[in-house]
C-alpha atoms as a PDB file:
ATOM      1  CA  MET A   1      12.799  73.168-117.492  1.00  0.00           C
ATOM      2  CA  ASN A   2      15.991  75.466-118.740  1.00  0.00           C
ATOM      3  CA  TYR A   3      15.762  79.000-120.047  1.00  0.00           C
ATOM      4  CA  LEU A   4      16.226  78.213-123.322  1.00  0.00           C
ATOM      5  CA  ASP A   5      12.420  76.361-123.343  1.00  0.00           C
ATOM      6  CA  GLU A   6      11.180  79.442-120.996  1.00  0.00           C
ATOM      7  CA  LEU A   7      12.548  81.881-123.691  1.00  0.00           C
ATOM      8  CA  ALA A   8      10.767  79.755-126.654  1.00  0.00           C
ATOM      9  CA  GLU A   9       7.728  80.266-124.766  1.00  0.00           C
ATOM     10  CA  GLN A  10       8.234  83.757-124.332  1.00  0.00           C
ATOM     11  CA  CYS A  11       8.929  84.375-128.390  1.00  0.00           C
ATOM     12  CA  ARG A  12       5.924  82.212-128.945  1.00  0.00           C
ATOM     13  CA  ILE A  13       3.828  84.644-127.055  1.00  0.00           C
ATOM     14  CA  SER A  14       5.486  87.497-128.862  1.00  0.00           C
ATOM     15  CA  GLY A  15       5.049  85.950-132.138  1.00  0.00           C
ATOM     16  CA  CYS A  16       8.887  86.112-132.977  1.00  0.00           C
ATOM     17  CA  ASP A  17      11.329  83.330-133.868  1.00  0.00           C
ATOM     18  CA  LEU A  18      13.888  81.526-131.796  1.00  0.00           C
ATOM     19  CA  LYS A  19      16.666  80.077-133.260  1.00  0.00           C
ATOM     20  CA  THR A  20      19.121  77.983-130.995  1.00  0.00           C
ATOM     21  CA  ASP A  21      23.042  77.175-131.242  1.00  0.00           C
ATOM     22  CA  ARG A  22      23.972  79.534-133.809  1.00  0.00           C
ATOM     23  CA  LEU A  23      27.545  80.493-135.166  1.00  0.00           C
ATOM     24  CA  LEU A  24      27.592  84.178-134.774  1.00  0.00           C
ATOM     25  CA  SER A  25      29.958  83.793-138.289  1.00  0.00           C
ATOM     26  CA  ALA A  26      26.500  83.396-139.877  1.00  0.00           C
ATOM     27  CA  TYR A  27      25.511  86.930-138.116  1.00  0.00           C
ATOM     28  CA  THR A  28      28.441  89.191-139.065  1.00  0.00           C
ATOM     29  CA  THR A  29      30.044  90.737-142.329  1.00  0.00           C
ATOM     30  CA  PHE A  30      33.452  89.236-141.236  1.00  0.00           C
ATOM     31  CA  LYS A  31      32.202  85.458-141.247  1.00  0.00           C
ATOM     32  CA  ILE A  32      33.797  85.527-137.756  1.00  0.00           C
ATOM     33  CA  GLY A  33      32.618  84.078-134.711  1.00  0.00           C
ATOM     34  CA  GLY A  34      31.885  80.844-132.129  1.00  0.00           C
ATOM     35  CA  GLU A  35      29.121  79.370-130.756  1.00  0.00           C
ATOM     36  CA  CYS A  36      25.624  81.027-129.415  1.00  0.00           C
ATOM     37  CA  PRO A  37      22.834  79.226-127.446  1.00  0.00           C
ATOM     38  CA  ALA A  38      20.052  81.478-128.720  1.00  0.00           C
ATOM     39  CA  VAL A  39      19.191  84.330-131.529  1.00  0.00           C
ATOM     40  CA  VAL A  40      15.789  85.969-131.257  1.00  0.00           C
ATOM     41  CA  GLU A  41      14.439  87.051-134.361  1.00  0.00           C
ATOM     42  CA  ILE A  42      12.713  90.470-133.079  1.00  0.00           C
ATOM     43  CA  ASN A  43       9.572  91.668-134.894  1.00  0.00           C
ATOM     44  CA  SER A  44       8.569  94.637-133.244  1.00  0.00           C
ATOM     45  CA  ALA A  45       9.678  97.345-130.531  1.00  0.00           C
ATOM     46  CA  GLU A  46       7.221  96.153-128.022  1.00  0.00           C
ATOM     47  CA  THR A  47       8.962  92.238-128.514  1.00  0.00           C
ATOM     48  CA  ALA A  48      12.476  94.032-128.130  1.00  0.00           C
ATOM     49  CA  ALA A  49      11.483  95.323-124.627  1.00  0.00           C
ATOM     50  CA  HIS A  50       9.690  92.137-123.544  1.00  0.00           C
ATOM     51  CA  ILE A  51      12.364  90.071-124.010  1.00  0.00           C
ATOM     52  CA  ALA A  52      14.864  91.821-122.789  1.00  0.00           C
ATOM     53  CA  GLU A  53      13.128  92.917-119.705  1.00  0.00           C
ATOM     54  CA  TRP A  54      12.719  89.202-119.479  1.00  0.00           C
ATOM     55  CA  LEU A  55      16.511  88.364-119.559  1.00  0.00           C
ATOM     56  CA  LYS A  56      17.103  90.955-117.555  1.00  0.00           C
ATOM     57  CA  GLU A  57      15.277  89.888-114.900  1.00  0.00           C
ATOM     58  CA  ARG A  58      17.020  86.233-115.076  1.00  0.00           C
ATOM     59  CA  GLY A  59      20.403  87.650-115.464  1.00  0.00           C
ATOM     60  CA  ILE A  60      21.006  86.436-118.591  1.00  0.00           C
ATOM     61  CA  LYS A  61      23.222  87.931-120.604  1.00  0.00           C
ATOM     62  CA  PHE A  62      22.352  89.570-124.405  1.00  0.00           C
ATOM     63  CA  ALA A  63      23.406  91.628-127.020  1.00  0.00           C
ATOM     64  CA  VAL A  64      21.949  93.333-129.921  1.00  0.00           C
ATOM     65  CA  LEU A  65      22.959  92.076-133.101  1.00  0.00           C
ATOM     66  CA  GLY A  66      22.076  93.997-137.002  1.00  0.00           C
ATOM     67  CA  ARG A  67      23.878  93.214-140.083  1.00  0.00           C
ATOM     68  CA  GLY A  68      26.886  92.510-137.931  1.00  0.00           C
ATOM     69  CA  SER A  69      28.903  94.709-140.038  1.00  0.00           C
ATOM     70  CA  ASN A  70      31.242  96.824-137.391  1.00  0.00           C
ATOM     71  CA  ILE A  71      31.673  93.662-135.149  1.00  0.00           C
ATOM     72  CA  ILE A  72      34.518  91.173-134.193  1.00  0.00           C
ATOM     73  CA  ALA A  73      32.682  88.457-132.904  1.00  0.00           C
ATOM     74  CA  SER A  74      34.930  85.733-130.380  1.00  0.00           C
ATOM     75  CA  ASP A  75      35.782  82.659-131.699  1.00  0.00           C
ATOM     76  CA  ASN A  76      34.475  81.580-128.258  1.00  0.00           C
ATOM     77  CA  GLY A  77      31.548  82.509-128.891  1.00  0.00           C
ATOM     78  CA  PHE A  78      28.826  84.053-126.694  1.00  0.00           C
ATOM     79  CA  ASP A  79      27.304  82.829-123.823  1.00  0.00           C
ATOM     80  CA  GLY A  80      24.187  84.245-123.995  1.00  0.00           C
ATOM     81  CA  VAL A  81      21.079  85.524-125.981  1.00  0.00           C
ATOM     82  CA  ILE A  82      21.380  87.847-129.193  1.00  0.00           C
ATOM     83  CA  LEU A  83      18.440  90.088-129.955  1.00  0.00           C
ATOM     84  CA  HIS A  84      18.564  90.165-133.958  1.00  0.00           C
ATOM     85  CA  PHE A  85      16.977  93.454-135.643  1.00  0.00           C
ATOM     86  CA  GLY A  86      16.825  91.806-139.324  1.00  0.00           C
ATOM     87  CA  SER A  87      14.501  91.366-141.804  1.00  0.00           C
ATOM     88  CA  ASP A  88      11.525  90.749-139.259  1.00  0.00           C
ATOM     89  CA  PHE A  89      12.023  94.093-137.820  1.00  0.00           C
ATOM     90  CA  SER A  90      12.801  96.353-140.630  1.00  0.00           C
ATOM     91  CA  GLU A  91       9.709  98.229-142.021  1.00  0.00           C
ATOM     92  CA  ILE A  92      10.378 101.632-143.729  1.00  0.00           C
ATOM     93  CA  THR A  93       7.926 104.466-144.259  1.00  0.00           C
ATOM     94  CA  VAL A  94       7.638 107.840-146.136  1.00  0.00           C
ATOM     95  CA  ASN A  95       5.742 110.821-145.079  1.00  0.00           C
ATOM     96  CA  GLY A  96       6.625 113.412-147.366  1.00  0.00           C
ATOM     97  CA  CYS A  97      10.167 114.544-146.921  1.00  0.00           C
ATOM     98  CA  THR A  98      10.169 112.346-143.855  1.00  0.00           C
ATOM     99  CA  ILE A  99      11.394 108.678-143.421  1.00  0.00           C
ATOM    100  CA  THR A 100      10.880 106.380-140.304  1.00  0.00           C
ATOM    101  CA  ALA A 101      12.608 102.627-140.499  1.00  0.00           C
ATOM    102  CA  GLN A 102      12.798 100.326-137.881  1.00  0.00           C
ATOM    103  CA  ALA A 103      16.053  99.423-136.874  1.00  0.00           C
ATOM    104  CA  GLY A 104      16.865  96.110-138.636  1.00  0.00           C
ATOM    105  CA  ALA A 105      16.295  98.014-141.960  1.00  0.00           C
ATOM    106  CA  SER A 106      19.058  98.194-143.998  1.00  0.00           C
ATOM    107  CA  LEU A 107      20.994 101.781-144.766  1.00  0.00           C
ATOM    108  CA  SER A 108      20.694 101.019-147.895  1.00  0.00           C
ATOM    109  CA  ALA A 109      17.482 100.149-148.179  1.00  0.00           C
ATOM    110  CA  VAL A 110      16.447 103.305-146.996  1.00  0.00           C
ATOM    111  CA  CYS A 111      18.706 104.942-149.282  1.00  0.00           C
ATOM    112  CA  ARG A 112      16.667 103.439-152.326  1.00  0.00           C
ATOM    113  CA  ALA A 113      13.454 104.557-150.535  1.00  0.00           C
ATOM    114  CA  ALA A 114      14.512 108.068-150.660  1.00  0.00           C
ATOM    115  CA  GLN A 115      15.387 107.708-154.037  1.00  0.00           C
ATOM    116  CA  GLU A 116      12.507 106.177-155.055  1.00  0.00           C
ATOM    117  CA  ASN A 117      10.549 109.003-153.291  1.00  0.00           C
ATOM    118  CA  GLY A 118      12.845 111.737-154.625  1.00  0.00           C
ATOM    119  CA  LEU A 119      14.515 112.495-151.818  1.00  0.00           C
ATOM    120  CA  THR A 120      17.908 113.829-151.351  1.00  0.00           C
ATOM    121  CA  GLY A 121      20.190 113.941-148.465  1.00  0.00           C
ATOM    122  CA  MET A 122      21.435 110.069-147.862  1.00  0.00           C
ATOM    123  CA  GLU A 123      23.168 109.521-151.365  1.00  0.00           C
ATOM    124  CA  ASN A 124      26.730 109.117-149.773  1.00  0.00           C
ATOM    125  CA  LEU A 125      25.541 106.394-147.281  1.00  0.00           C
ATOM    126  CA  TYR A 126      24.553 103.801-149.995  1.00  0.00           C
ATOM    127  CA  GLY A 127      26.535 101.041-149.739  1.00  0.00           C
ATOM    128  CA  ILE A 128      26.988 101.371-145.893  1.00  0.00           C
ATOM    129  CA  PRO A 129      26.603  97.638-144.924  1.00  0.00           C
ATOM    130  CA  GLY A 130      24.934  98.432-141.711  1.00  0.00           C
ATOM    131  CA  THR A 131      21.147  98.454-140.409  1.00  0.00           C
ATOM    132  CA  VAL A 132      20.190 102.252-139.365  1.00  0.00           C
ATOM    133  CA  GLY A 133      20.445 101.170-135.695  1.00  0.00           C
ATOM    134  CA  GLY A 134      23.955 100.396-135.950  1.00  0.00           C
ATOM    135  CA  GLY A 135      24.410 103.190-138.186  1.00  0.00           C
ATOM    136  CA  LEU A 136      22.932 105.528-135.634  1.00  0.00           C
ATOM    137  CA  TYR A 137      25.087 103.785-132.714  1.00  0.00           C
ATOM    138  CA  MET A 138      28.230 104.306-134.414  1.00  0.00           C
ATOM    139  CA  ASN A 139      26.985 107.865-136.531  1.00  0.00           C
ATOM    140  CA  ALA A 140      27.914 106.211-139.298  1.00  0.00           C
ATOM    141  CA  GLY A 141      29.033 108.090-142.791  1.00  0.00           C
ATOM    142  CA  ALA A 142      30.926 108.388-145.963  1.00  0.00           C
ATOM    143  CA  TYR A 143      32.296 110.747-148.198  1.00  0.00           C
ATOM    144  CA  GLY A 144      31.431 113.801-146.351  1.00  0.00           C
ATOM    145  CA  THR A 145      27.899 112.704-144.873  1.00  0.00           C
ATOM    146  CA  GLU A 146      27.114 111.110-141.514  1.00  0.00           C
ATOM    147  CA  MET A 147      23.956 110.093-139.933  1.00  0.00           C
ATOM    148  CA  LYS A 148      23.768 113.123-138.033  1.00  0.00           C
ATOM    149  CA  ASP A 149      23.526 115.394-141.215  1.00  0.00           C
ATOM    150  CA  VAL A 150      20.018 113.543-141.969  1.00  0.00           C
ATOM    151  CA  VAL A 151      18.714 112.311-138.779  1.00  0.00           C
ATOM    152  CA  SER A 152      16.059 113.798-136.785  1.00  0.00           C
ATOM    153  CA  SER A 153      14.759 111.793-134.037  1.00  0.00           C
ATOM    154  CA  ALA A 154      15.246 107.855-133.152  1.00  0.00           C
ATOM    155  CA  GLY A 155      13.150 105.403-130.738  1.00  0.00           C
ATOM    156  CA  TYR A 156      14.583 103.647-128.209  1.00  0.00           C
ATOM    157  CA  LEU A 157      14.725 101.443-124.929  1.00  0.00           C
ATOM    158  CA  ASP A 158      16.072 102.835-121.980  1.00  0.00           C
ATOM    159  CA  PRO A 159      18.018 100.053-119.728  1.00  0.00           C
ATOM    160  CA  ALA A 160      14.734  99.379-117.705  1.00  0.00           C
ATOM    161  CA  GLY A 161      12.524  98.533-120.978  1.00  0.00           C
ATOM    162  CA  LYS A 162      11.256 101.797-120.896  1.00  0.00           C
ATOM    163  CA  SER A 163      10.312 103.156-125.024  1.00  0.00           C
ATOM    164  CA  GLY A 164      11.442 106.962-125.468  1.00  0.00           C
ATOM    165  CA  THR A 165      12.040 109.432-128.331  1.00  0.00           C
ATOM    166  CA  MET A 166      15.388 111.111-128.537  1.00  0.00           C
ATOM    167  CA  MET A 167      15.961 113.983-130.848  1.00  0.00           C
ATOM    168  CA  LEU A 168      18.971 114.955-132.540  1.00  0.00           C
ATOM    169  CA  PRO A 169      20.509 117.407-130.256  1.00  0.00           C
ATOM    170  CA  GLU A 170      20.700 114.871-127.333  1.00  0.00           C
ATOM    171  CA  MET A 171      22.247 112.078-129.512  1.00  0.00           C
ATOM    172  CA  LYS A 172      25.498 113.583-128.957  1.00  0.00           C
ATOM    173  CA  LEU A 173      26.850 112.149-132.377  1.00  0.00           C
ATOM    174  CA  SER A 174      30.377 112.934-133.475  1.00  0.00           C
ATOM    175  CA  TYR A 175      32.822 110.838-135.390  1.00  0.00           C
ATOM    176  CA  ARG A 176      32.065 107.109-134.858  1.00  0.00           C
ATOM    177  CA  HIS A 177      30.177 108.141-131.723  1.00  0.00           C
ATOM    178  CA  SER A 178      26.404 108.397-129.821  1.00  0.00           C
ATOM    179  CA  ALA A 179      24.810 108.924-126.731  1.00  0.00           C
ATOM    180  CA  PHE A 180      23.577 105.283-127.177  1.00  0.00           C
ATOM    181  CA  SER A 181      27.052 104.106-126.861  1.00  0.00           C
ATOM    182  CA  GLU A 182      27.332 105.432-123.537  1.00  0.00           C
ATOM    183  CA  ASN A 183      23.746 104.836-122.137  1.00  0.00           C
ATOM    184  CA  ASN A 184      22.972 101.434-122.969  1.00  0.00           C
ATOM    185  CA  CYS A 185      20.115 102.406-124.790  1.00  0.00           C
ATOM    186  CA  ILE A 186      18.775 100.571-127.577  1.00  0.00           C
ATOM    187  CA  VAL A 187      18.118 102.107-131.109  1.00  0.00           C
ATOM    188  CA  THR A 188      14.580 100.765-132.199  1.00  0.00           C
ATOM    189  CA  SER A 189      13.526 103.159-134.932  1.00  0.00           C
ATOM    190  CA  VAL A 190      15.365 106.037-136.747  1.00  0.00           C
ATOM    191  CA  THR A 191      13.393 109.146-138.439  1.00  0.00           C
ATOM    192  CA  PHE A 192      15.068 110.786-140.991  1.00  0.00           C
ATOM    193  CA  SER A 193      14.522 114.270-142.339  1.00  0.00           C
ATOM    194  CA  LEU A 194      15.357 114.613-146.049  1.00  0.00           C
ATOM    195  CA  LYS A 195      14.852 117.513-149.198  1.00  0.00           C
ATOM    196  CA  LYS A 196      12.745 117.000-152.206  1.00  0.00           C
ATOM    197  CA  GLY A 197      15.083 116.668-154.822  1.00  0.00           C
ATOM    198  CA  ASP A 198      15.446 114.593-158.520  1.00  0.00           C
ATOM    199  CA  LYS A 199      14.962 111.178-158.917  1.00  0.00           C
ATOM    200  CA  ASP A 200      17.303 110.785-161.744  1.00  0.00           C
ATOM    201  CA  GLU A 201      20.119 112.671-160.023  1.00  0.00           C
ATOM    202  CA  ILE A 202      19.848 111.229-156.993  1.00  0.00           C
ATOM    203  CA  LYS A 203      20.207 107.562-158.835  1.00  0.00           C
ATOM    204  CA  SER A 204      23.334 108.883-160.459  1.00  0.00           C
ATOM    205  CA  ALA A 205      24.964 110.018-157.233  1.00  0.00           C
ATOM    206  CA  MET A 206      24.187 106.832-155.839  1.00  0.00           C
ATOM    207  CA  THR A 207      25.504 104.865-158.799  1.00  0.00           C
ATOM    208  CA  GLU A 208      28.889 107.068-158.418  1.00  0.00           C
ATOM    209  CA  CYS A 209      28.938 106.371-154.707  1.00  0.00           C
ATOM    210  CA  LEU A 210      28.515 102.605-155.079  1.00  0.00           C
ATOM    211  CA  GLY A 211      31.192 102.617-157.922  1.00  0.00           C
ATOM    212  CA  LYS A 212      33.428 104.490-155.524  1.00  0.00           C
ATOM    213  CA  ARG A 213      33.227 101.491-152.951  1.00  0.00           C
ATOM    214  CA  THR A 214      33.649  98.512-155.061  1.00  0.00           C
ATOM    215  CA  SER A 215      36.582 100.696-156.858  1.00  0.00           C
ATOM    216  CA  LYS A 216      38.581 101.627-153.521  1.00  0.00           C
ATOM    217  CA  GLN A 217      37.199  99.084-151.225  1.00  0.00           C
ATOM    218  CA  PRO A 218      37.919  95.547-150.618  1.00  0.00           C
ATOM    219  CA  LEU A 219      34.064  94.479-151.219  1.00  0.00           C
ATOM    220  CA  GLU A 220      35.052  91.152-152.164  1.00  0.00           C
ATOM    221  CA  TYR A 221      36.201  89.622-149.082  1.00  0.00           C
ATOM    222  CA  PRO A 222      34.560  89.404-145.833  1.00  0.00           C
ATOM    223  CA  SER A 223      35.355  92.420-143.268  1.00  0.00           C
ATOM    224  CA  ALA A 224      33.880  94.426-140.847  1.00  0.00           C
ATOM    225  CA  GLY A 225      34.828  97.253-142.957  1.00  0.00           C
ATOM    226  CA  SER A 226      36.975 100.173-142.028  1.00  0.00           C
ATOM    227  CA  THR A 227      39.169  98.617-139.310  1.00  0.00           C
ATOM    228  CA  PHE A 228      40.716 101.967-137.537  1.00  0.00           C
ATOM    229  CA  LYS A 229      38.999 105.084-136.282  1.00  0.00           C
ATOM    230  CA  ARG A 230      40.906 108.021-138.187  1.00  0.00           C
ATOM    231  CA  PRO A 231      43.224 109.371-135.761  1.00  0.00           C
ATOM    232  CA  GLU A 232      43.368 113.286-135.606  1.00  0.00           C
ATOM    233  CA  GLY A 233      45.928 114.736-138.223  1.00  0.00           C
ATOM    234  CA  SER A 234      46.360 111.798-140.679  1.00  0.00           C
ATOM    235  CA  TYR A 235      44.647 108.799-141.979  1.00  0.00           C
ATOM    236  CA  ALA A 236      44.957 105.113-140.453  1.00  0.00           C
ATOM    237  CA  SER A 237      45.269 103.826-144.169  1.00  0.00           C
ATOM    238  CA  LEU A 238      47.624 106.220-145.226  1.00  0.00           C
ATOM    239  CA  LEU A 239      49.994 105.255-141.779  1.00  0.00           C
ATOM    240  CA  ILE A 240      49.700 101.663-142.059  1.00  0.00           C
ATOM    241  CA  GLU A 241      50.627 101.963-146.033  1.00  0.00           C
ATOM    242  CA  GLN A 242      53.854 103.973-145.023  1.00  0.00           C
ATOM    243  CA  CYS A 243      54.732 101.841-142.311  1.00  0.00           C
ATOM    244  CA  GLY A 244      54.756  99.504-145.359  1.00  0.00           C
ATOM    245  CA  LEU A 245      52.005  96.768-143.930  1.00  0.00           C
ATOM    246  CA  LYS A 246      49.879  96.716-146.536  1.00  0.00           C
ATOM    247  CA  GLY A 247      49.113  92.817-147.405  1.00  0.00           C
ATOM    248  CA  TYR A 248      50.597  91.784-143.513  1.00  0.00           C
ATOM    249  CA  THR A 249      48.568  88.945-142.706  1.00  0.00           C
ATOM    250  CA  VAL A 250      48.317  86.570-139.452  1.00  0.00           C
ATOM    251  CA  GLY A 251      46.620  83.702-140.349  1.00  0.00           C
ATOM    252  CA  GLY A 252      43.737  84.165-142.795  1.00  0.00           C
ATOM    253  CA  ALA A 253      43.423  87.850-141.798  1.00  0.00           C
ATOM    254  CA  GLN A 254      45.391  90.420-143.795  1.00  0.00           C
ATOM    255  CA  VAL A 255      45.762  94.182-143.926  1.00  0.00           C
ATOM    256  CA  SER A 256      44.041  94.493-147.586  1.00  0.00           C
ATOM    257  CA  GLU A 257      46.051  94.963-150.440  1.00  0.00           C
ATOM    258  CA  LYS A 258      43.523  97.108-152.003  1.00  0.00           C
ATOM    259  CA  HIS A 259      43.012  99.368-148.675  1.00  0.00           C
ATOM    260  CA  SER A 260      45.030  99.152-146.135  1.00  0.00           C
ATOM    261  CA  GLY A 261      42.651 100.676-143.904  1.00  0.00           C
ATOM    262  CA  PHE A 262      40.342  97.432-144.168  1.00  0.00           C
ATOM    263  CA  VAL A 263      41.425  94.141-142.232  1.00  0.00           C
ATOM    264  CA  ILE A 264      39.904  91.414-144.333  1.00  0.00           C
ATOM    265  CA  ASN A 265      39.118  87.774-144.214  1.00  0.00           C
ATOM    266  CA  ILE A 266      40.867  85.705-146.840  1.00  0.00           C
ATOM    267  CA  GLY A 267      39.745  82.575-145.847  1.00  0.00           C
ATOM    268  CA  GLY A 268      39.374  80.933-142.790  1.00  0.00           C
ATOM    269  CA  ALA A 269      40.255  83.612-140.376  1.00  0.00           C
ATOM    270  CA  SER A 270      39.836  83.851-137.081  1.00  0.00           C
ATOM    271  CA  ALA A 271      38.677  86.538-134.517  1.00  0.00           C
ATOM    272  CA  GLU A 272      42.324  85.345-132.873  1.00  0.00           C
ATOM    273  CA  ASP A 273      44.261  86.162-135.795  1.00  0.00           C
ATOM    274  CA  VAL A 274      42.097  89.574-136.580  1.00  0.00           C
ATOM    275  CA  LEU A 275      42.850  90.822-133.186  1.00  0.00           C
ATOM    276  CA  LYS A 276      46.706  89.880-132.955  1.00  0.00           C
ATOM    277  CA  LEU A 277      46.816  91.711-136.509  1.00  0.00           C
ATOM    278  CA  CYS A 278      45.049  94.697-135.408  1.00  0.00           C
ATOM    279  CA  GLY A 279      47.880  94.856-132.382  1.00  0.00           C
ATOM    280  CA  ASP A 280      50.542  94.255-134.363  1.00  0.00           C
ATOM    281  CA  VAL A 281      49.663  97.226-136.778  1.00  0.00           C
ATOM    282  CA  LYS A 282      48.934  99.312-133.933  1.00  0.00           C
ATOM    283  CA  LYS A 283      52.176  98.667-132.629  1.00  0.00           C
ATOM    284  CA  VAL A 284      54.336  99.060-135.324  1.00  0.00           C
ATOM    285  CA  VAL A 285      52.199 102.518-136.076  1.00  0.00           C
ATOM    286  CA  ARG A 286      52.892 103.567-132.648  1.00  0.00           C
ATOM    287  CA  GLU A 287      56.588 103.098-132.900  1.00  0.00           C
ATOM    288  CA  LYS A 288      57.243 104.565-136.318  1.00  0.00           C
ATOM    289  CA  THR A 289      55.074 107.557-136.498  1.00  0.00           C
ATOM    290  CA  GLY A 290      54.018 108.098-132.889  1.00  0.00           C
ATOM    291  CA  TYR A 291      49.851 107.849-133.761  1.00  0.00           C
ATOM    292  CA  VAL A 292      48.017 105.430-131.645  1.00  0.00           C
ATOM    293  CA  LEU A 293      45.098 104.003-133.441  1.00  0.00           C
ATOM    294  CA  GLU A 294      41.783 102.980-132.130  1.00  0.00           C
ATOM    295  CA  LEU A 295      39.727  99.899-133.226  1.00  0.00           C
ATOM    296  CA  GLU A 296      36.430 100.976-134.852  1.00  0.00           C
ATOM    297  CA  PRO A 297      34.660  97.344-134.611  1.00  0.00           C
ATOM    298  CA  ILE A 298      33.213  96.237-131.420  1.00  0.00           C
ATOM    299  CA  ILE A 299      34.512  92.943-129.938  1.00  0.00           C
ATOM    300  CA  LEU A 300      31.485  90.656-129.072  1.00  0.00           C
ATOM    301  CA  GLU A 301      32.390  88.192-126.614  1.00  0.00           C
END
């Protein structure tokens, strides 16, 4: 019996779905990525702990994916198991001014839940395409609000598979960084502390935020969101535009003509195309401006 047969039995015990021979392009917003032998649809923190421990005991490589919105997946795929934190692990509960969401819940769904319950503080995060787990992992933010401004605690699994709760001060949240990106812990839930507000005003602010995104960002094309981190003292999009790289294309990858901070998939782009383009952009920007750009998306290989 190979490990996939054994894994299928473990998934049956946990009541979760196992999908085999999947393309990672179906699990990333860039619509890029080769084959993966197995994807486990996580349905609880207990299932995540059990499956992760089972894989570790057997030395089988695994990675966690939510909506894949900050990922560049290799054309060669991933030779291991993906623990997918998706719709089966996306419950959202509201208690007074507190919202707790399982890691697979989308940030936008939590924003909508906040609005429906008259809770303010998350309006500027509306439209960010990731999950709450991924959002906390990278301290996602937009228009002056970051996860660190609204999060109070998070449930997690440590590398040994033990569950715990981490409070905000321990998370080391800074620009596109958290303790979770250092300690190999897996976020399983996120708790938000918000304030009471007017439902109509909150909805209006969310609509305005989404309007900004739609008008300024190339949402009509697959991408991993903002491609480069903001360098200290400037903006990646400004530097790229100043270097005449707006519209620069390699294969199916292109520096967006709408917003030069985005590398987009204009059709059939490969990870190789994207990484070659990003390398070219970094080289030119450094030569012409002295700034060193750093990739924001994580490379999954």
